[in-house]
C-alpha atoms as a PDB file:
ATOM      1  CA  MET A   1     120.152  76.562  80.250  1.00  0.00           C
ATOM      2  CA  GLU A   2     116.688  75.025  79.629  1.00  0.00           C
ATOM      3  CA  SER A   3     115.277  74.991  76.055  1.00  0.00           C
ATOM      4  CA  ILE A   4     113.072  72.716  74.083  1.00  0.00           C
ATOM      5  CA  ILE A   5     114.712  70.803  71.156  1.00  0.00           C
ATOM      6  CA  ASN A   6     112.647  71.193  67.839  1.00  0.00           C
ATOM      7  CA  TYR A   7     115.266  70.839  65.200  1.00  0.00           C
ATOM      8  CA  SER A   8     115.340  72.314  61.836  1.00  0.00           C
ATOM      9  CA  PRO A   9     116.810  70.544  58.804  1.00  0.00           C
ATOM     10  CA  ASN A  10     118.176  73.846  57.476  1.00  0.00           C
ATOM     11  CA  PHE A  11     121.870  74.140  58.477  1.00  0.00           C
ATOM     12  CA  ASP A  12     125.340  73.446  57.046  1.00  0.00           C
ATOM     13  CA  ARG A  13     126.305  69.969  57.828  1.00  0.00           C
ATOM     14  CA  LYS A  14     129.991  70.813  58.652  1.00  0.00           C
ATOM     15  CA  LYS A  15     130.546  71.859  62.255  1.00  0.00           C
ATOM     16  CA  ARG A  16     132.390  75.017  63.103  1.00  0.00           C
ATOM     17  CA  ASN A  17     134.790  75.703  65.786  1.00  0.00           C
ATOM     18  CA  LEU A  18     133.692  77.188  69.032  1.00  0.00           C
ATOM     19  CA  ASN A  19     135.978  80.159  68.628  1.00  0.00           C
ATOM     20  CA  GLN A  20     134.184  80.960  65.244  1.00  0.00           C
ATOM     21  CA  ILE A  21     131.116  82.112  67.142  1.00  0.00           C
ATOM     22  CA  LYS A  22     131.550  85.968  67.520  1.00  0.00           C
ATOM     23  CA  PHE A  23     127.982  87.524  67.026  1.00  0.00           C
ATOM     24  CA  ILE A  24     124.541  87.122  68.376  1.00  0.00           C
ATOM     25  CA  ILE A  25     121.876  88.433  65.720  1.00  0.00           C
ATOM     26  CA  PHE A  26     118.304  89.165  66.774  1.00  0.00           C
ATOM     27  CA  HIS A  27     115.372  88.871  64.405  1.00  0.00           C
ATOM     28  CA  TYR A  28     111.666  89.027  64.553  1.00  0.00           C
ATOM     29  CA  THR A  29     109.698  86.392  62.717  1.00  0.00           C
ATOM     30  CA  GLY A  30     107.530  88.926  60.635  1.00  0.00           C
ATOM     31  CA  MET A  31     104.807  86.432  60.174  1.00  0.00           C
ATOM     32  CA  LYS A  32     101.022  86.441  61.159  1.00  0.00           C
ATOM     33  CA  ASN A  33     101.250  83.713  63.828  1.00  0.00           C
ATOM     34  CA  GLU A  34     103.664  81.737  65.874  1.00  0.00           C
ATOM     35  CA  THR A  35     102.677  78.359  64.603  1.00  0.00           C
ATOM     36  CA  ASN A  36     103.474  79.309  60.898  1.00  0.00           C
ATOM     37  CA  ALA A  37     106.594  81.078  61.947  1.00  0.00           C
ATOM     38  CA  ILE A  38     107.805  77.701  63.686  1.00  0.00           C
ATOM     39  CA  LYS A  39     106.735  75.627  60.526  1.00  0.00           C
ATOM     40  CA  LYS A  40     108.742  77.878  58.208  1.00  0.00           C
ATOM     41  CA  LEU A  41     111.838  77.716  60.266  1.00  0.00           C
ATOM     42  CA  THR A  42     111.617  73.953  60.472  1.00  0.00           C
ATOM     43  CA  SER A  43     110.557  73.295  56.823  1.00  0.00           C
ATOM     44  CA  GLN A  44     113.262  72.079  54.467  1.00  0.00           C
ATOM     45  CA  LYS A  45     111.460  74.000  51.673  1.00  0.00           C
ATOM     46  CA  SER A  46     111.931  77.430  53.250  1.00  0.00           C
ATOM     47  CA  LYS A  47     115.785  77.167  53.382  1.00  0.00           C
ATOM     48  CA  VAL A  48     115.851  79.397  56.427  1.00  0.00           C
ATOM     49  CA  SER A  49     116.391  78.753  60.118  1.00  0.00           C
ATOM     50  CA  SER A  50     117.805  80.144  63.550  1.00  0.00           C
ATOM     51  CA  HIS A  51     119.523  78.525  66.331  1.00  0.00           C
ATOM     52  CA  TYR A  52     116.866  79.668  68.852  1.00  0.00           C
ATOM     53  CA  PHE A  53     113.212  80.798  68.766  1.00  0.00           C
ATOM     54  CA  ILE A  54     111.457  82.578  71.439  1.00  0.00           C
ATOM     55  CA  LYS A  55     107.820  82.017  71.628  1.00  0.00           C
ATOM     56  CA  ASN A  56     105.143  84.418  72.900  1.00  0.00           C
ATOM     57  CA  SER A  57     105.086  82.594  76.115  1.00  0.00           C
ATOM     58  CA  GLY A  58     108.798  83.113  76.587  1.00  0.00           C
ATOM     59  CA  GLU A  59     109.446  79.468  76.036  1.00  0.00           C
ATOM     60  CA  ILE A  60     112.790  78.846  74.091  1.00  0.00           C
ATOM     61  CA  LEU A  61     113.059  76.467  71.258  1.00  0.00           C
ATOM     62  CA  ASN A  62     116.447  75.126  70.152  1.00  0.00           C
ATOM     63  CA  LEU A  63     116.168  74.774  66.320  1.00  0.00           C
ATOM     64  CA  VAL A  64     119.818  74.260  65.306  1.00  0.00           C
ATOM     65  CA  PRO A  65     122.701  73.224  67.568  1.00  0.00           C
ATOM     66  CA  ASP A  66     125.176  76.146  68.325  1.00  0.00           C
ATOM     67  CA  LEU A  67     128.149  74.546  66.494  1.00  0.00           C
ATOM     68  CA  TYR A  68     126.269  74.218  63.173  1.00  0.00           C
ATOM     69  CA  ILE A  69     125.712  77.089  60.891  1.00  0.00           C
ATOM     70  CA  ALA A  70     122.168  78.218  60.731  1.00  0.00           C
ATOM     71  CA  TRP A  71     120.630  80.163  57.798  1.00  0.00           C
ATOM     72  CA  HIS A  72     119.295  83.402  59.314  1.00  0.00           C
ATOM     73  CA  ALA A  73     121.527  86.245  58.276  1.00  0.00           C
ATOM     74  CA  GLY A  74     121.898  85.927  54.474  1.00  0.00           C
ATOM     75  CA  VAL A  75     123.901  88.676  52.705  1.00  0.00           C
ATOM     76  CA  SER A  76     125.316  90.651  55.501  1.00  0.00           C
ATOM     77  CA  HIS A  77     128.221  92.820  56.580  1.00  0.00           C
ATOM     78  CA  TRP A  78     129.619  94.018  59.853  1.00  0.00           C
ATOM     79  CA  GLU A  79     133.230  95.452  60.278  1.00  0.00           C
ATOM     80  CA  LYS A  80     135.370  93.019  58.170  1.00  0.00           C
ATOM     81  CA  TYR A  81     132.992  90.189  58.377  1.00  0.00           C
ATOM     82  CA  LYS A  82     130.746  89.065  55.552  1.00  0.00           C
ATOM     83  CA  PHE A  83     127.915  86.631  55.265  1.00  0.00           C
ATOM     84  CA  LEU A  84     127.565  86.498  59.112  1.00  0.00           C
ATOM     85  CA  ASN A  85     125.914  83.028  59.274  1.00  0.00           C
ATOM     86  CA  LYS A  86     129.278  81.467  59.557  1.00  0.00           C
ATOM     87  CA  TYR A  87     130.140  83.610  62.708  1.00  0.00           C
ATOM     88  CA  SER A  88     126.934  84.134  64.588  1.00  0.00           C
ATOM     89  CA  ILE A  89     124.105  82.640  66.532  1.00  0.00           C
ATOM     90  CA  GLY A  90     120.552  83.705  65.326  1.00  0.00           C
ATOM     91  CA  ILE A  91     117.648  84.278  67.692  1.00  0.00           C
ATOM     92  CA  GLU A  92     114.242  84.657  66.317  1.00  0.00           C
ATOM     93  CA  ILE A  93     111.609  86.236  68.516  1.00  0.00           C
ATOM     94  CA  ASN A  94     108.047  85.750  67.539  1.00  0.00           C
ATOM     95  CA  ASN A  95     106.493  89.058  66.401  1.00  0.00           C
ATOM     96  CA  PRO A  96     104.346  89.931  63.364  1.00  0.00           C
ATOM     97  CA  GLY A  97     106.767  92.583  62.290  1.00  0.00           C
ATOM     98  CA  HIS A  98     106.200  95.795  60.382  1.00  0.00           C
ATOM     99  CA  GLU A  99     104.142  93.806  57.512  1.00  0.00           C
ATOM    100  CA  TYR A 100     101.594  92.504  60.045  1.00  0.00           C
ATOM    101  CA  ASN A 101     100.939  95.124  62.757  1.00  0.00           C
ATOM    102  CA  TYR A 102     104.272  95.266  64.492  1.00  0.00           C
ATOM    103  CA  LYS A 103     103.977  95.270  68.262  1.00  0.00           C
ATOM    104  CA  LYS A 104     105.980  95.439  71.334  1.00  0.00           C
ATOM    105  CA  PHE A 105     107.962  92.284  72.514  1.00  0.00           C
ATOM    106  CA  ASN A 106     106.225  91.183  75.780  1.00  0.00           C
ATOM    107  CA  ASN A 107     107.867  90.666  79.060  1.00  0.00           C
ATOM    108  CA  ASN A 108     108.110  86.991  78.873  1.00  0.00           C
ATOM    109  CA  GLN A 109     109.841  87.303  75.673  1.00  0.00           C
ATOM    110  CA  ILE A 110     112.356  89.922  76.910  1.00  0.00           C
ATOM    111  CA  LYS A 111     113.167  87.943  80.104  1.00  0.00           C
ATOM    112  CA  SER A 112     114.042  84.923  77.863  1.00  0.00           C
ATOM    113  CA  VAL A 113     116.119  87.134  75.588  1.00  0.00           C
ATOM    114  CA  ILE A 114     118.059  88.218  78.712  1.00  0.00           C
ATOM    115  CA  LYS A 115     118.372  84.594  79.991  1.00  0.00           C
ATOM    116  CA  LEU A 116     119.458  83.138  76.745  1.00  0.00           C
ATOM    117  CA  SER A 117     121.788  86.005  75.566  1.00  0.00           C
ATOM    118  CA  SER A 118     123.536  86.111  79.120  1.00  0.00           C
ATOM    119  CA  TYR A 119     124.110  82.390  78.696  1.00  0.00           C
ATOM    120  CA  LEU A 120     125.610  82.617  75.054  1.00  0.00           C
ATOM    121  CA  ILE A 121     127.603  85.683  75.906  1.00  0.00           C
ATOM    122  CA  LYS A 122     129.339  83.943  78.795  1.00  0.00           C
ATOM    123  CA  LYS A 123     129.771  80.683  76.957  1.00  0.00           C
ATOM    124  CA  TYR A 124     131.173  82.027  73.763  1.00  0.00           C
ATOM    125  CA  LYS A 125     132.792  85.204  75.177  1.00  0.00           C
ATOM    126  CA  ILE A 126     130.706  87.417  72.812  1.00  0.00           C
ATOM    127  CA  LYS A 127     131.633  91.116  72.875  1.00  0.00           C
ATOM    128  CA  SER A 128     128.938  93.624  73.452  1.00  0.00           C
ATOM    129  CA  LYS A 129     129.719  95.331  70.063  1.00  0.00           C
ATOM    130  CA  PHE A 130     128.978  92.135  68.272  1.00  0.00           C
ATOM    131  CA  ILE A 131     125.455  91.773  69.579  1.00  0.00           C
ATOM    132  CA  LEU A 132     123.256  93.083  66.622  1.00  0.00           C
ATOM    133  CA  GLY A 133     119.969  93.266  64.831  1.00  0.00           C
ATOM    134  CA  HIS A 134     119.395  91.942  61.387  1.00  0.00           C
ATOM    135  CA  SER A 135     118.894  95.403  60.151  1.00  0.00           C
ATOM    136  CA  ASP A 136     122.380  96.465  61.409  1.00  0.00           C
ATOM    137  CA  ILE A 137     123.962  93.859  59.280  1.00  0.00           C
ATOM    138  CA  SER A 138     121.588  93.936  56.165  1.00  0.00           C
ATOM    139  CA  PRO A 139     120.187  97.385  56.143  1.00  0.00           C
ATOM    140  CA  ASP A 140     119.004  97.438  52.588  1.00  0.00           C
ATOM    141  CA  ARG A 141     116.866  94.204  53.099  1.00  0.00           C
ATOM    142  CA  LYS A 142     115.743  93.952  56.724  1.00  0.00           C
ATOM    143  CA  LEU A 143     113.943  96.062  59.400  1.00  0.00           C
ATOM    144  CA  ASP A 144     114.084  93.493  62.238  1.00  0.00           C
ATOM    145  CA  PRO A 145     114.095  93.274  65.282  1.00  0.00           C
ATOM    146  CA  GLY A 146     112.826  96.929  64.791  1.00  0.00           C
ATOM    147  CA  GLU A 147     112.568 100.110  66.752  1.00  0.00           C
ATOM    148  CA  LYS A 148     110.352  98.362  69.451  1.00  0.00           C
ATOM    149  CA  PHE A 149     113.154  96.112  70.428  1.00  0.00           C
ATOM    150  CA  PRO A 150     114.462  97.253  73.762  1.00  0.00           C
ATOM    151  CA  TRP A 151     118.023  97.861  73.056  1.00  0.00           C
ATOM    152  CA  LYS A 152     118.469 100.514  75.664  1.00  0.00           C
ATOM    153  CA  TYR A 153     117.031  98.281  78.507  1.00  0.00           C
ATOM    154  CA  LEU A 154     119.126  95.366  77.365  1.00  0.00           C
ATOM    155  CA  SER A 155     122.369  97.360  77.365  1.00  0.00           C
ATOM    156  CA  LYS A 156     121.731  97.788  81.084  1.00  0.00           C
ATOM    157  CA  LYS A 157     121.768  93.933  81.402  1.00  0.00           C
ATOM    158  CA  LYS A 158     125.151  93.877  79.369  1.00  0.00           C
ATOM    159  CA  ILE A 159     123.503  92.807  76.240  1.00  0.00           C
ATOM    160  CA  GLY A 160     124.507  95.108  73.379  1.00  0.00           C
ATOM    161  CA  ILE A 161     125.568  98.768  73.290  1.00  0.00           C
ATOM    162  CA  TRP A 162     123.730 101.897  73.853  1.00  0.00           C
ATOM    163  CA  HIS A 163     124.614 105.493  74.121  1.00  0.00           C
ATOM    164  CA  ASN A 164     124.802 107.165  77.572  1.00  0.00           C
ATOM    165  CA  LEU A 165     123.415 110.658  76.365  1.00  0.00           C
ATOM    166  CA  GLU A 166     120.449 112.299  78.193  1.00  0.00           C
ATOM    167  CA  MET A 167     117.143 111.830  76.289  1.00  0.00           C
ATOM    168  CA  LYS A 168     116.102 115.374  77.243  1.00  0.00           C
ATOM    169  CA  THR A 169     119.308 116.899  75.791  1.00  0.00           C
ATOM    170  CA  LEU A 170     118.931 114.819  72.557  1.00  0.00           C
ATOM    171  CA  ALA A 171     115.314 115.869  72.033  1.00  0.00           C
ATOM    172  CA  LYS A 172     116.248 119.477  72.009  1.00  0.00           C
ATOM    173  CA  ILE A 173     118.654 118.814  68.869  1.00  0.00           C
ATOM    174  CA  ARG A 174     116.408 116.468  67.138  1.00  0.00           C
ATOM    175  CA  GLY A 175     115.865 117.738  63.545  1.00  0.00           C
ATOM    176  CA  GLN A 176     118.598 120.359  63.618  1.00  0.00           C
ATOM    177  CA  LYS A 177     120.403 120.425  60.274  1.00  0.00           C
ATOM    178  CA  ILE A 178     124.150 119.870  59.908  1.00  0.00           C
ATOM    179  CA  ASP A 179     126.639 120.961  57.230  1.00  0.00           C
ATOM    180  CA  LYS A 180     128.293 118.619  54.611  1.00  0.00           C
ATOM    181  CA  SER A 181     131.380 118.142  56.709  1.00  0.00           C
ATOM    182  CA  GLU A 182     129.359 116.956  59.593  1.00  0.00           C
ATOM    183  CA  VAL A 183     127.346 114.614  57.434  1.00  0.00           C
ATOM    184  CA  LYS A 184     130.728 113.053  56.408  1.00  0.00           C
ATOM    185  CA  ASN A 185     131.636 112.801  60.016  1.00  0.00           C
ATOM    186  CA  PHE A 186     128.519 111.014  60.823  1.00  0.00           C
ATOM    187  CA  PHE A 187     129.228 108.416  57.991  1.00  0.00           C
ATOM    188  CA  ASN A 188     132.879 107.982  59.178  1.00  0.00           C
ATOM    189  CA  ASN A 189     131.606 107.440  62.527  1.00  0.00           C
ATOM    190  CA  ILE A 190     129.052 104.661  61.694  1.00  0.00           C
ATOM    191  CA  LEU A 191     131.577 102.981  59.409  1.00  0.00           C
ATOM    192  CA  LYS A 192     134.060 102.818  62.406  1.00  0.00           C
ATOM    193  CA  ILE A 193     131.198 101.505  64.543  1.00  0.00           C
ATOM    194  CA  GLY A 194     130.789  98.603  62.141  1.00  0.00           C
ATOM    195  CA  TYR A 195     128.046  99.468  59.570  1.00  0.00           C
ATOM    196  CA  SER A 196     129.032  98.796  55.947  1.00  0.00           C
ATOM    197  CA  PHE A 197     128.417 100.606  52.581  1.00  0.00           C
ATOM    198  CA  ASN A 198     129.097  97.230  50.743  1.00  0.00           C
ATOM    199  CA  PHE A 199     125.382  96.571  50.249  1.00  0.00           C
ATOM    200  CA  SER A 200     124.856  99.803  48.141  1.00  0.00           C
ATOM    201  CA  LYS A 201     127.098 102.880  47.781  1.00  0.00           C
ATOM    202  CA  LYS A 202     124.232 104.664  45.905  1.00  0.00           C
ATOM    203  CA  ASN A 203     121.590 104.490  48.497  1.00  0.00           C
ATOM    204  CA  THR A 204     122.653 105.460  51.938  1.00  0.00           C
ATOM    205  CA  LYS A 205     119.147 106.075  53.205  1.00  0.00           C
ATOM    206  CA  TYR A 206     118.848 102.376  54.228  1.00  0.00           C
ATOM    207  CA  LEU A 207     121.932 102.762  56.358  1.00  0.00           C
ATOM    208  CA  ILE A 208     120.800 105.922  58.082  1.00  0.00           C
ATOM    209  CA  LYS A 209     117.465 104.271  58.901  1.00  0.00           C
ATOM    210  CA  ALA A 210     119.176 101.224  60.261  1.00  0.00           C
ATOM    211  CA  PHE A 211     121.137 103.368  62.525  1.00  0.00           C
ATOM    212  CA  GLN A 212     118.107 105.370  63.734  1.00  0.00           C
ATOM    213  CA  ARG A 213     115.991 102.191  64.053  1.00  0.00           C
ATOM    214  CA  ARG A 214     118.636 100.812  66.439  1.00  0.00           C
ATOM    215  CA  PHE A 215     119.877 104.050  68.291  1.00  0.00           C
ATOM    216  CA  ARG A 216     117.269 106.762  67.675  1.00  0.00           C
ATOM    217  CA  PRO A 217     113.900 104.933  67.443  1.00  0.00           C
ATOM    218  CA  GLU A 218     111.843 107.995  68.223  1.00  0.00           C
ATOM    219  CA  LEU A 219     112.241 109.273  64.599  1.00  0.00           C
ATOM    220  CA  ILE A 220     113.214 107.072  61.609  1.00  0.00           C
ATOM    221  CA  ASN A 221     113.197 109.286  58.618  1.00  0.00           C
ATOM    222  CA  GLY A 222     116.635 108.550  56.802  1.00  0.00           C
ATOM    223  CA  LEU A 223     117.758 112.094  57.411  1.00  0.00           C
ATOM    224  CA  ILE A 224     120.979 112.950  59.379  1.00  0.00           C
ATOM    225  CA  ASP A 225     120.417 115.551  61.983  1.00  0.00           C
ATOM    226  CA  ARG A 226     122.462 116.805  64.843  1.00  0.00           C
ATOM    227  CA  GLU A 227     121.022 114.292  67.170  1.00  0.00           C
ATOM    228  CA  CYS A 228     122.190 111.430  64.868  1.00  0.00           C
ATOM    229  CA  LEU A 229     125.593 112.965  64.825  1.00  0.00           C
ATOM    230  CA  ILE A 230     125.992 113.315  68.490  1.00  0.00           C
ATOM    231  CA  ILE A 231     124.822 109.770  69.091  1.00  0.00           C
ATOM    232  CA  SER A 232     127.289 108.363  66.597  1.00  0.00           C
ATOM    233  CA  LYS A 233     130.170 110.283  68.214  1.00  0.00           C
ATOM    234  CA  ASN A 234     129.196 108.965  71.712  1.00  0.00           C
ATOM    235  CA  LEU A 235     128.884 105.335  70.405  1.00  0.00           C
ATOM    236  CA  LEU A 236     132.441 105.459  68.882  1.00  0.00           C
ATOM    237  CA  ARG A 237     134.022 105.126  72.334  1.00  0.00           C
ATOM    238  CA  LYS A 238     131.851 102.143  73.181  1.00  0.00           C
ATOM    239  CA  PHE A 239     132.394 100.131  69.991  1.00  0.00           C
ATOM    240  CA  LYS A 240     136.092 100.148  70.184  1.00  0.00           C
END
């Protein structure tokens, strides 16, 4: 697969084994412009990096070789895994993010996401349930790649997981209240999917919003309704 080498100094010097690579984590850069984003990811002072960077044009930069651990995930959890840098490949996509007028990812970028992800999935045998966003694994700290990232479309290309419920049906139950036992069921469902309470057992709103940002982007309010519950039930079968 074609990519331009522009190596970052920010990575662990010890190589990992090929079979340690289990995740793909998507990020947005969250910076005002592309040039500054690349500078940050390749500056020793920043102490952050990713394996790949997708430019506005769709051009793919390789910043850290796959077998080295890049510094993109930070404090993170998914299933039994903690500090996911060790197990993942990080892909940064240029986008100003929520702080600087968050916008849709363009067609060239999404084409490159598909091309790069398909290559990595095949090469490292990455499971669909381990293709995640930064907000999935660090819900208390991160919003990226955000609600405008086309998870539903990508799932049709076998990149990541999406539910198979009808949008019209879901819209009818959006906002419907559920009882305490159903709230408990929702949390049990998303914990089985892979989300973690480890970051904060006191504040679950981050966790709910992360789930909504990924699987119910039409309304991100941190409140569990019947739509969220039904989606979580449907996803359980797919995340096994």
